Amino acid sequence: MTIPLILVGLVYASVGGTLLITNPKRIVTYQEAYQKIRLSSYNQKKARTDKFISDCPKTL
């Protein structure tokens, strides 16, 4: 009973450790990409939100 529990704990610990190592690199990459496309990203989100809001009364 304890051996499977230890193995599952090791799997979770290895996944968590991997995320702790790779996540800071991904955050920097995401921030750089966001700075490049900030305005177009905002316009895309606004258009998507406006479309969703315009569709809401149709579904009620």
PDB file of N, CA and C in Angstrom:
ATOM      1  N   MET A   1       0.823  -1.191   0.000  1.00  0.00           N
ATOM      2  CA  MET A   1       0.000   0.000   0.000  1.00  0.00           C
ATOM      3  C   MET A   1       0.869   1.257   0.000  1.00  0.00           C
ATOM      4  N   THR A   2       1.979   1.234   0.675  1.00  0.00           N
ATOM      5  CA  THR A   2       2.800   2.445   0.750  1.00  0.00           C
ATOM      6  C   THR A   2       3.668   2.636  -0.489  1.00  0.00           C
ATOM      7  N   ILE A   3       4.057   1.553  -1.147  1.00  0.00           N
ATOM      8  CA  ILE A   3       4.923   1.685  -2.327  1.00  0.00           C
ATOM      9  C   ILE A   3       4.192   2.407  -3.468  1.00  0.00           C
ATOM     10  N   PRO A   4       2.950   2.046  -3.802  1.00  0.00           N
ATOM     11  CA  PRO A   4       2.264   2.818  -4.846  1.00  0.00           C
ATOM     12  C   PRO A   4       2.073   4.285  -4.459  1.00  0.00           C
ATOM     13  N   LEU A   5       1.835   4.528  -3.193  1.00  0.00           N
ATOM     14  CA  LEU A   5       1.669   5.901  -2.729  1.00  0.00           C
ATOM     15  C   LEU A   5       2.968   6.688  -2.885  1.00  0.00           C
ATOM     16  N   ILE A   6       4.080   6.056  -2.599  1.00  0.00           N
ATOM     17  CA  ILE A   6       5.384   6.705  -2.770  1.00  0.00           C
ATOM     18  C   ILE A   6       5.646   6.979  -4.249  1.00  0.00           C
ATOM     19  N   LEU A   7       5.308   6.025  -5.114  1.00  0.00           N
ATOM     20  CA  LEU A   7       5.518   6.219  -6.550  1.00  0.00           C
ATOM     21  C   LEU A   7       4.664   7.370  -7.088  1.00  0.00           C
ATOM     22  N   VAL A   8       3.425   7.434  -6.659  1.00  0.00           N
ATOM     23  CA  VAL A   8       2.564   8.533  -7.092  1.00  0.00           C
ATOM     24  C   VAL A   8       3.111   9.862  -6.576  1.00  0.00           C
ATOM     25  N   GLY A   9       3.595   9.884  -5.356  1.00  0.00           N
ATOM     26  CA  GLY A   9       4.192  11.092  -4.805  1.00  0.00           C
ATOM     27  C   GLY A   9       5.419  11.527  -5.586  1.00  0.00           C
ATOM     28  N   LEU A  10       6.232  10.565  -6.010  1.00  0.00           N
ATOM     29  CA  LEU A  10       7.408  10.899  -6.814  1.00  0.00           C
ATOM     30  C   LEU A  10       7.016  11.466  -8.177  1.00  0.00           C
ATOM     31  N   VAL A  11       5.971  10.917  -8.763  1.00  0.00           N
ATOM     32  CA  VAL A  11       5.506  11.437 -10.051  1.00  0.00           C
ATOM     33  C   VAL A  11       5.052  12.889  -9.892  1.00  0.00           C
ATOM     34  N   TYR A  12       4.236  13.145  -8.874  1.00  0.00           N
ATOM     35  CA  TYR A  12       3.769  14.515  -8.647  1.00  0.00           C
ATOM     36  C   TYR A  12       4.929  15.458  -8.322  1.00  0.00           C
ATOM     37  N   ALA A  13       5.885  14.998  -7.547  1.00  0.00           N
ATOM     38  CA  ALA A  13       7.032  15.836  -7.206  1.00  0.00           C
ATOM     39  C   ALA A  13       7.878  16.143  -8.443  1.00  0.00           C
ATOM     40  N   SER A  14       8.041  15.161  -9.329  1.00  0.00           N
ATOM     41  CA  SER A  14       8.838  15.402 -10.533  1.00  0.00           C
ATOM     42  C   SER A  14       8.125  16.369 -11.477  1.00  0.00           C
ATOM     43  N   VAL A  15       6.813  16.251 -11.598  1.00  0.00           N
ATOM     44  CA  VAL A  15       6.067  17.192 -12.437  1.00  0.00           C
ATOM     45  C   VAL A  15       6.149  18.597 -11.845  1.00  0.00           C
ATOM     46  N   GLY A  16       5.974  18.719 -10.553  1.00  0.00           N
ATOM     47  CA  GLY A  16       6.061  20.023  -9.906  1.00  0.00           C
ATOM     48  C   GLY A  16       7.442  20.633 -10.037  1.00  0.00           C
ATOM     49  N   GLY A  17       8.477  19.826  -9.873  1.00  0.00           N
ATOM     50  CA  GLY A  17       9.838  20.325 -10.020  1.00  0.00           C
ATOM     51  C   GLY A  17      10.130  20.797 -11.429  1.00  0.00           C
ATOM     52  N   THR A  18       9.632  20.052 -12.403  1.00  0.00           N
ATOM     53  CA  THR A  18       9.816  20.452 -13.797  1.00  0.00           C
ATOM     54  C   THR A  18       9.132  21.781 -14.072  1.00  0.00           C
ATOM     55  N   LEU A  19       7.933  21.948 -13.538  1.00  0.00           N
ATOM     56  CA  LEU A  19       7.218  23.211 -13.744  1.00  0.00           C
ATOM     57  C   LEU A  19       7.923  24.375 -13.058  1.00  0.00           C
ATOM     58  N   LEU A  20       8.504  24.137 -11.903  1.00  0.00           N
ATOM     59  CA  LEU A  20       9.236  25.204 -11.218  1.00  0.00           C
ATOM     60  C   LEU A  20      10.452  25.655 -12.015  1.00  0.00           C
ATOM     61  N   ILE A  21      11.045  24.738 -12.753  1.00  0.00           N
ATOM     62  CA  ILE A  21      12.231  25.075 -13.534  1.00  0.00           C
ATOM     63  C   ILE A  21      11.854  25.754 -14.847  1.00  0.00           C
ATOM     64  N   THR A  22      10.837  25.238 -15.546  1.00  0.00           N
ATOM     65  CA  THR A  22      10.520  25.752 -16.880  1.00  0.00           C
ATOM     66  C   THR A  22       9.602  26.964 -16.873  1.00  0.00           C
ATOM     67  N   ASN A  23       8.806  27.145 -15.846  1.00  0.00           N
ATOM     68  CA  ASN A  23       7.824  28.224 -15.849  1.00  0.00           C
ATOM     69  C   ASN A  23       8.444  29.621 -15.911  1.00  0.00           C
ATOM     70  N   PRO A  24       9.506  29.939 -15.169  1.00  0.00           N
ATOM     71  CA  PRO A  24      10.088  31.289 -15.294  1.00  0.00           C
ATOM     72  C   PRO A  24      10.558  31.605 -16.714  1.00  0.00           C
ATOM     73  N   LYS A  25      11.079  30.623 -17.424  1.00  0.00           N
ATOM     74  CA  LYS A  25      11.507  30.849 -18.805  1.00  0.00           C
ATOM     75  C   LYS A  25      10.305  31.154 -19.689  1.00  0.00           C
ATOM     76  N   ARG A  26       9.226  30.426 -19.478  1.00  0.00           N
ATOM     77  CA  ARG A  26       8.025  30.635 -20.279  1.00  0.00           C
ATOM     78  C   ARG A  26       7.393  31.989 -19.986  1.00  0.00           C
ATOM     79  N   ILE A  27       7.459  32.435 -18.746  1.00  0.00           N
ATOM     80  CA  ILE A  27       6.880  33.731 -18.389  1.00  0.00           C
ATOM     81  C   ILE A  27       7.618  34.855 -19.102  1.00  0.00           C
ATOM     82  N   VAL A  28       8.938  34.788 -19.144  1.00  0.00           N
ATOM     83  CA  VAL A  28       9.725  35.819 -19.832  1.00  0.00           C
ATOM     84  C   VAL A  28       9.377  35.831 -21.317  1.00  0.00           C
ATOM     85  N   THR A  29       9.287  34.663 -21.924  1.00  0.00           N
ATOM     86  CA  THR A  29       8.941  34.576 -23.341  1.00  0.00           C
ATOM     87  C   THR A  29       7.553  35.145 -23.593  1.00  0.00           C
ATOM     88  N   TYR A  30       6.614  34.827 -22.716  1.00  0.00           N
ATOM     89  CA  TYR A  30       5.249  35.331 -22.866  1.00  0.00           C
ATOM     90  C   TYR A  30       5.204  36.850 -22.726  1.00  0.00           C
ATOM     91  N   GLN A  31       5.942  37.401 -21.772  1.00  0.00           N
ATOM     92  CA  GLN A  31       5.944  38.850 -21.579  1.00  0.00           C
ATOM     93  C   GLN A  31       6.530  39.568 -22.786  1.00  0.00           C
ATOM     94  N   GLU A  32       7.601  39.024 -23.358  1.00  0.00           N
ATOM     95  CA  GLU A  32       8.198  39.647 -24.538  1.00  0.00           C
ATOM     96  C   GLU A  32       7.234  39.608 -25.718  1.00  0.00           C
ATOM     97  N   ALA A  33       6.584  38.479 -25.916  1.00  0.00           N
ATOM     98  CA  ALA A  33       5.627  38.360 -27.020  1.00  0.00           C
ATOM     99  C   ALA A  33       4.440  39.285 -26.803  1.00  0.00           C
ATOM    100  N   TYR A  34       4.004  39.414 -25.564  1.00  0.00           N
ATOM    101  CA  TYR A  34       2.866  40.289 -25.269  1.00  0.00           C
ATOM    102  C   TYR A  34       3.207  41.747 -25.553  1.00  0.00           C
ATOM    103  N   GLN A  35       4.412  42.164 -25.227  1.00  0.00           N
ATOM    104  CA  GLN A  35       4.805  43.547 -25.489  1.00  0.00           C
ATOM    105  C   GLN A  35       4.816  43.838 -26.991  1.00  0.00           C
ATOM    106  N   LYS A  36       5.149  42.834 -27.801  1.00  0.00           N
ATOM    107  CA  LYS A  36       5.189  43.031 -29.250  1.00  0.00           C
ATOM    108  C   LYS A  36       3.790  43.159 -29.844  1.00  0.00           C
ATOM    109  N   ILE A  37       2.842  42.394 -29.309  1.00  0.00           N
ATOM    110  CA  ILE A  37       1.516  42.358 -29.926  1.00  0.00           C
ATOM    111  C   ILE A  37       0.439  42.908 -28.993  1.00  0.00           C
ATOM    112  N   ARG A  38       0.808  43.793 -28.105  1.00  0.00           N
ATOM    113  CA  ARG A  38      -0.132  44.273 -27.087  1.00  0.00           C
ATOM    114  C   ARG A  38      -1.369  44.917 -27.706  1.00  0.00           C
ATOM    115  N   LEU A  39      -1.189  45.820 -28.650  1.00  0.00           N
ATOM    116  CA  LEU A  39      -2.325  46.534 -29.219  1.00  0.00           C
ATOM    117  C   LEU A  39      -3.220  45.606 -30.036  1.00  0.00           C
ATOM    118  N   SER A  40      -2.636  44.773 -30.873  1.00  0.00           N
ATOM    119  CA  SER A  40      -3.472  43.871 -31.670  1.00  0.00           C
ATOM    120  C   SER A  40      -4.158  42.849 -30.779  1.00  0.00           C
ATOM    121  N   SER A  41      -3.497  42.444 -29.719  1.00  0.00           N
ATOM    122  CA  SER A  41      -4.114  41.514 -28.774  1.00  0.00           C
ATOM    123  C   SER A  41      -5.314  42.164 -28.109  1.00  0.00           C
ATOM    124  N   TYR A  42      -5.179  43.419 -27.737  1.00  0.00           N
ATOM    125  CA  TYR A  42      -6.293  44.145 -27.119  1.00  0.00           C
ATOM    126  C   TYR A  42      -7.465  44.252 -28.089  1.00  0.00           C
ATOM    127  N   ASN A  43      -7.169  44.582 -29.343  1.00  0.00           N
ATOM    128  CA  ASN A  43      -8.236  44.718 -30.335  1.00  0.00           C
ATOM    129  C   ASN A  43      -8.933  43.384 -30.585  1.00  0.00           C
ATOM    130  N   GLN A  44      -8.179  42.285 -30.605  1.00  0.00           N
ATOM    131  CA  GLN A  44      -8.786  40.968 -30.795  1.00  0.00           C
ATOM    132  C   GLN A  44      -9.677  40.607 -29.616  1.00  0.00           C
ATOM    133  N   LYS A  45      -9.223  40.883 -28.406  1.00  0.00           N
ATOM    134  CA  LYS A  45     -10.035  40.579 -27.225  1.00  0.00           C
ATOM    135  C   LYS A  45     -11.298  41.423 -27.205  1.00  0.00           C
ATOM    136  N   LYS A  46     -11.167  42.695 -27.584  1.00  0.00           N
ATOM    137  CA  LYS A  46     -12.337  43.573 -27.605  1.00  0.00           C
ATOM    138  C   LYS A  46     -13.349  43.095 -28.636  1.00  0.00           C
ATOM    139  N   ALA A  47     -12.894  42.716 -29.814  1.00  0.00           N
ATOM    140  CA  ALA A  47     -13.805  42.230 -30.851  1.00  0.00           C
ATOM    141  C   ALA A  47     -14.492  40.942 -30.408  1.00  0.00           C
ATOM    142  N   ARG A  48     -13.743  40.047 -29.779  1.00  0.00           N
ATOM    143  CA  ARG A  48     -14.318  38.785 -29.311  1.00  0.00           C
ATOM    144  C   ARG A  48     -15.351  39.037 -28.216  1.00  0.00           C
ATOM    145  N   THR A  49     -15.051  39.973 -27.311  1.00  0.00           N
ATOM    146  CA  THR A  49     -15.989  40.300 -26.235  1.00  0.00           C
ATOM    147  C   THR A  49     -17.240  40.962 -26.790  1.00  0.00           C
ATOM    148  N   ASP A  50     -17.070  41.887 -27.731  1.00  0.00           N
ATOM    149  CA  ASP A  50     -18.231  42.547 -28.329  1.00  0.00           C
ATOM    150  C   ASP A  50     -19.131  41.548 -29.046  1.00  0.00           C
ATOM    151  N   LYS A  51     -18.540  40.593 -29.735  1.00  0.00           N
ATOM    152  CA  LYS A  51     -19.332  39.571 -30.418  1.00  0.00           C
ATOM    153  C   LYS A  51     -20.087  38.724 -29.406  1.00  0.00           C
ATOM    154  N   PHE A  52     -19.422  38.354 -28.319  1.00  0.00           N
ATOM    155  CA  PHE A  52     -20.079  37.550 -27.289  1.00  0.00           C
ATOM    156  C   PHE A  52     -21.246  38.309 -26.676  1.00  0.00           C
ATOM    157  N   ILE A  53     -21.026  39.586 -26.367  1.00  0.00           N
ATOM    158  CA  ILE A  53     -22.083  40.388 -25.751  1.00  0.00           C
ATOM    159  C   ILE A  53     -23.250  40.572 -26.722  1.00  0.00           C
ATOM    160  N   SER A  54     -22.949  40.740 -27.999  1.00  0.00           N
ATOM    161  CA  SER A  54     -24.038  40.903 -28.968  1.00  0.00           C
ATOM    162  C   SER A  54     -24.816  39.602 -29.150  1.00  0.00           C
ATOM    163  N   ASP A  55     -24.191  38.454 -28.909  1.00  0.00           N
ATOM    164  CA  ASP A  55     -24.880  37.167 -29.031  1.00  0.00           C
ATOM    165  C   ASP A  55     -25.691  36.816 -27.793  1.00  0.00           C
ATOM    166  N   CYS A  56     -25.393  37.417 -26.663  1.00  0.00           N
ATOM    167  CA  CYS A  56     -26.089  37.067 -25.417  1.00  0.00           C
ATOM    168  C   CYS A  56     -27.594  37.290 -25.470  1.00  0.00           C
ATOM    169  N   PRO A  57     -28.087  38.436 -25.924  1.00  0.00           N
ATOM    170  CA  PRO A  57     -29.546  38.610 -25.943  1.00  0.00           C
ATOM    171  C   PRO A  57     -30.251  37.592 -26.833  1.00  0.00           C
ATOM    172  N   LYS A  58     -29.570  37.097 -27.842  1.00  0.00           N
ATOM    173  CA  LYS A  58     -30.169  36.107 -28.736  1.00  0.00           C
ATOM    174  C   LYS A  58     -30.382  34.775 -28.027  1.00  0.00           C
ATOM    175  N   THR A  59     -29.550  34.482 -27.045  1.00  0.00           N
ATOM    176  CA  THR A  59     -29.657  33.193 -26.367  1.00  0.00           C
ATOM    177  C   THR A  59     -30.631  33.224 -25.208  1.00  0.00           C
ATOM    178  N   LEU A  60     -30.999  34.403 -24.741  1.00  0.00           N
ATOM    179  CA  LEU A  60     -31.927  34.488 -23.620  1.00  0.00           C
ATOM    180  C   LEU A  60     -33.294  34.368 -24.104  1.00  0.00           C
TER     181      LEU A  60
END
